[in-house]
Amino acid sequence: VEFLELKQGNMTVAEYAVKFESLSAFSPYYNTPEAEYDKCVKFESVLRPEVKHLIGFSEIRDFPTLV
């Protein structure tokens, strides 16, 4: 549940990425190659608006590359 409700909030993008990765480890779906696209979309979807504005809509769908 914590992973599903995770948002960037006051964390830096780096802090959020670490938290996202640690919590996603407990979600079997997000740990499959087929879910790589969804994992990237989920990560981007809850970034703060000003961060989303800076990066725009990314076409990167490889999570390690994205973060």
N, C-alpha and C. Protein backbone atom coordinates (compact mmCIF):
# COMPACT_ATOMS: atom_id res chain seq x y z
N VAL A 1 0.83 -1.19 0.00
CA VAL A 1 0.00 0.00 0.00
C VAL A 1 0.88 1.25 0.00
N GLU A 2 1.96 1.24 0.77
CA GLU A 2 2.84 2.41 0.83
C GLU A 2 3.39 2.74 -0.56
N PHE A 3 3.75 1.71 -1.33
CA PHE A 3 4.26 1.94 -2.68
C PHE A 3 3.20 2.56 -3.58
N LEU A 4 1.99 2.06 -3.49
CA LEU A 4 0.91 2.58 -4.33
C LEU A 4 0.56 4.02 -4.01
N GLU A 5 0.80 4.44 -2.77
CA GLU A 5 0.48 5.80 -2.35
C GLU A 5 1.69 6.73 -2.37
N LEU A 6 2.85 6.23 -2.76
CA LEU A 6 4.09 7.02 -2.75
C LEU A 6 4.01 8.19 -3.72
N LYS A 7 4.43 9.35 -3.22
CA LYS A 7 4.55 10.56 -4.04
C LYS A 7 5.89 11.21 -3.72
N GLN A 8 6.39 12.04 -4.62
CA GLN A 8 7.68 12.68 -4.40
C GLN A 8 7.63 13.60 -3.19
N GLY A 9 6.58 14.37 -3.06
CA GLY A 9 6.46 15.28 -1.92
C GLY A 9 7.66 16.19 -1.81
N ASN A 10 8.27 16.26 -0.63
CA ASN A 10 9.42 17.14 -0.39
C ASN A 10 10.76 16.47 -0.67
N MET A 11 10.74 15.22 -1.13
CA MET A 11 11.99 14.52 -1.42
C MET A 11 12.62 15.06 -2.71
N THR A 12 13.94 14.97 -2.79
CA THR A 12 14.59 15.25 -4.06
C THR A 12 14.25 14.10 -5.01
N VAL A 13 14.52 14.29 -6.28
CA VAL A 13 14.25 13.21 -7.24
C VAL A 13 15.11 11.99 -6.88
N ALA A 14 16.34 12.22 -6.46
CA ALA A 14 17.22 11.10 -6.09
C ALA A 14 16.67 10.35 -4.87
N GLU A 15 16.21 11.08 -3.87
CA GLU A 15 15.63 10.44 -2.68
C GLU A 15 14.37 9.67 -3.04
N TYR A 16 13.55 10.29 -3.88
CA TYR A 16 12.32 9.64 -4.32
C TYR A 16 12.64 8.37 -5.10
N ALA A 17 13.64 8.40 -5.97
CA ALA A 17 14.02 7.23 -6.76
C ALA A 17 14.46 6.08 -5.86
N VAL A 18 15.23 6.39 -4.82
CA VAL A 18 15.68 5.36 -3.87
C VAL A 18 14.49 4.75 -3.15
N LYS A 19 13.60 5.59 -2.66
CA LYS A 19 12.40 5.11 -1.96
C LYS A 19 11.52 4.30 -2.91
N PHE A 20 11.34 4.78 -4.12
CA PHE A 20 10.53 4.10 -5.13
C PHE A 20 11.10 2.71 -5.40
N GLU A 21 12.40 2.62 -5.61
CA GLU A 21 13.04 1.33 -5.88
C GLU A 21 12.92 0.39 -4.69
N SER A 22 13.14 0.90 -3.49
CA SER A 22 13.07 0.02 -2.32
C SER A 22 11.66 -0.52 -2.11
N LEU A 23 10.65 0.30 -2.33
CA LEU A 23 9.27 -0.16 -2.14
C LEU A 23 8.79 -1.01 -3.32
N SER A 24 9.25 -0.71 -4.51
CA SER A 24 8.81 -1.50 -5.67
C SER A 24 9.33 -2.93 -5.60
N ALA A 25 10.38 -3.15 -4.82
CA ALA A 25 10.91 -4.51 -4.66
C ALA A 25 9.87 -5.45 -4.07
N PHE A 26 8.90 -4.90 -3.35
CA PHE A 26 7.86 -5.71 -2.73
C PHE A 26 6.62 -5.87 -3.61
N SER A 27 6.68 -5.32 -4.81
CA SER A 27 5.56 -5.43 -5.75
C SER A 27 5.99 -6.33 -6.91
N PRO A 28 5.60 -7.59 -6.88
CA PRO A 28 6.06 -8.52 -7.92
C PRO A 28 5.81 -8.03 -9.35
N TYR A 29 4.70 -7.37 -9.57
CA TYR A 29 4.39 -6.90 -10.92
C TYR A 29 5.47 -5.97 -11.46
N TYR A 30 5.91 -5.03 -10.65
CA TYR A 30 6.88 -4.03 -11.11
C TYR A 30 8.30 -4.58 -11.22
N ASN A 31 8.48 -5.84 -10.92
CA ASN A 31 9.80 -6.46 -11.02
C ASN A 31 9.88 -7.45 -12.18
N THR A 32 9.07 -7.22 -13.19
CA THR A 32 9.11 -8.06 -14.39
C THR A 32 9.51 -7.19 -15.57
N PRO A 33 10.19 -7.78 -16.54
CA PRO A 33 10.57 -6.99 -17.73
C PRO A 33 9.35 -6.40 -18.45
N GLU A 34 8.24 -7.11 -18.40
CA GLU A 34 7.04 -6.63 -19.08
C GLU A 34 6.48 -5.36 -18.44
N ALA A 35 6.82 -5.10 -17.20
CA ALA A 35 6.27 -3.95 -16.48
C ALA A 35 7.19 -2.73 -16.50
N GLU A 36 8.28 -2.80 -17.23
CA GLU A 36 9.24 -1.69 -17.24
C GLU A 36 8.58 -0.38 -17.66
N TYR A 37 7.76 -0.42 -18.70
CA TYR A 37 7.05 0.78 -19.16
C TYR A 37 6.16 1.33 -18.05
N ASP A 38 5.37 0.46 -17.43
CA ASP A 38 4.46 0.89 -16.37
C ASP A 38 5.22 1.45 -15.17
N LYS A 39 6.37 0.87 -14.88
CA LYS A 39 7.19 1.35 -13.76
C LYS A 39 7.66 2.78 -14.03
N CYS A 40 8.09 3.04 -15.24
CA CYS A 40 8.53 4.39 -15.61
C CYS A 40 7.37 5.38 -15.55
N VAL A 41 6.22 4.97 -16.07
CA VAL A 41 5.04 5.84 -16.05
C VAL A 41 4.64 6.15 -14.62
N LYS A 42 4.63 5.14 -13.75
CA LYS A 42 4.27 5.35 -12.35
C LYS A 42 5.25 6.32 -11.69
N PHE A 43 6.54 6.13 -11.93
CA PHE A 43 7.55 7.00 -11.34
C PHE A 43 7.32 8.45 -11.76
N GLU A 44 7.13 8.67 -13.04
CA GLU A 44 6.94 10.03 -13.55
C GLU A 44 5.62 10.64 -13.11
N SER A 45 4.61 9.82 -12.96
CA SER A 45 3.26 10.35 -12.72
C SER A 45 3.10 11.07 -11.39
N VAL A 46 3.94 10.76 -10.42
CA VAL A 46 3.77 11.40 -9.11
C VAL A 46 4.93 12.32 -8.75
N LEU A 47 5.71 12.70 -9.75
CA LEU A 47 6.71 13.74 -9.51
C LEU A 47 6.00 15.07 -9.28
N ARG A 48 6.66 15.97 -8.56
CA ARG A 48 6.08 17.29 -8.35
C ARG A 48 5.89 17.98 -9.71
N PRO A 49 4.85 18.81 -9.83
CA PRO A 49 4.56 19.47 -11.12
C PRO A 49 5.74 20.22 -11.71
N GLU A 50 6.51 20.91 -10.87
CA GLU A 50 7.64 21.68 -11.40
C GLU A 50 8.73 20.77 -11.96
N VAL A 51 8.87 19.58 -11.41
CA VAL A 51 9.85 18.61 -11.94
C VAL A 51 9.33 18.04 -13.25
N LYS A 52 8.06 17.69 -13.29
CA LYS A 52 7.47 17.18 -14.53
C LYS A 52 7.63 18.21 -15.65
N HIS A 53 7.44 19.47 -15.32
CA HIS A 53 7.57 20.54 -16.31
C HIS A 53 8.99 20.60 -16.86
N LEU A 54 9.98 20.41 -15.99
CA LEU A 54 11.37 20.48 -16.42
C LEU A 54 11.76 19.32 -17.33
N ILE A 55 11.25 18.13 -17.03
CA ILE A 55 11.64 16.98 -17.84
C ILE A 55 10.70 16.73 -19.00
N GLY A 56 9.51 17.35 -18.95
CA GLY A 56 8.53 17.09 -19.99
C GLY A 56 8.08 15.64 -19.95
N PHE A 57 7.37 15.21 -20.97
CA PHE A 57 6.95 13.82 -21.02
C PHE A 57 8.09 13.02 -21.62
N SER A 58 8.68 12.20 -20.82
CA SER A 58 9.82 11.41 -21.25
C SER A 58 9.38 10.18 -22.02
N GLU A 59 10.11 9.87 -23.04
CA GLU A 59 9.86 8.64 -23.80
C GLU A 59 10.76 7.52 -23.31
N ILE A 60 11.54 7.79 -22.26
CA ILE A 60 12.44 6.77 -21.72
C ILE A 60 11.61 5.73 -20.99
N ARG A 61 11.77 4.50 -21.38
CA ARG A 61 11.00 3.43 -20.77
C ARG A 61 11.88 2.33 -20.21
N ASP A 62 13.10 2.71 -19.84
CA ASP A 62 14.03 1.83 -19.14
C ASP A 62 14.30 2.50 -17.81
N PHE A 63 13.84 1.91 -16.72
CA PHE A 63 13.86 2.60 -15.43
C PHE A 63 15.26 3.07 -15.02
N PRO A 64 16.30 2.24 -15.10
CA PRO A 64 17.64 2.75 -14.71
C PRO A 64 18.08 3.96 -15.53
N THR A 65 17.71 4.01 -16.79
CA THR A 65 18.04 5.16 -17.62
C THR A 65 17.23 6.38 -17.21
N LEU A 66 15.97 6.16 -16.88
CA LEU A 66 15.08 7.26 -16.49
C LEU A 66 15.58 7.97 -15.24
N VAL A 67 16.01 7.20 -14.24
CA VAL A 67 16.43 7.82 -12.98
C VAL A 67 17.91 8.13 -13.02
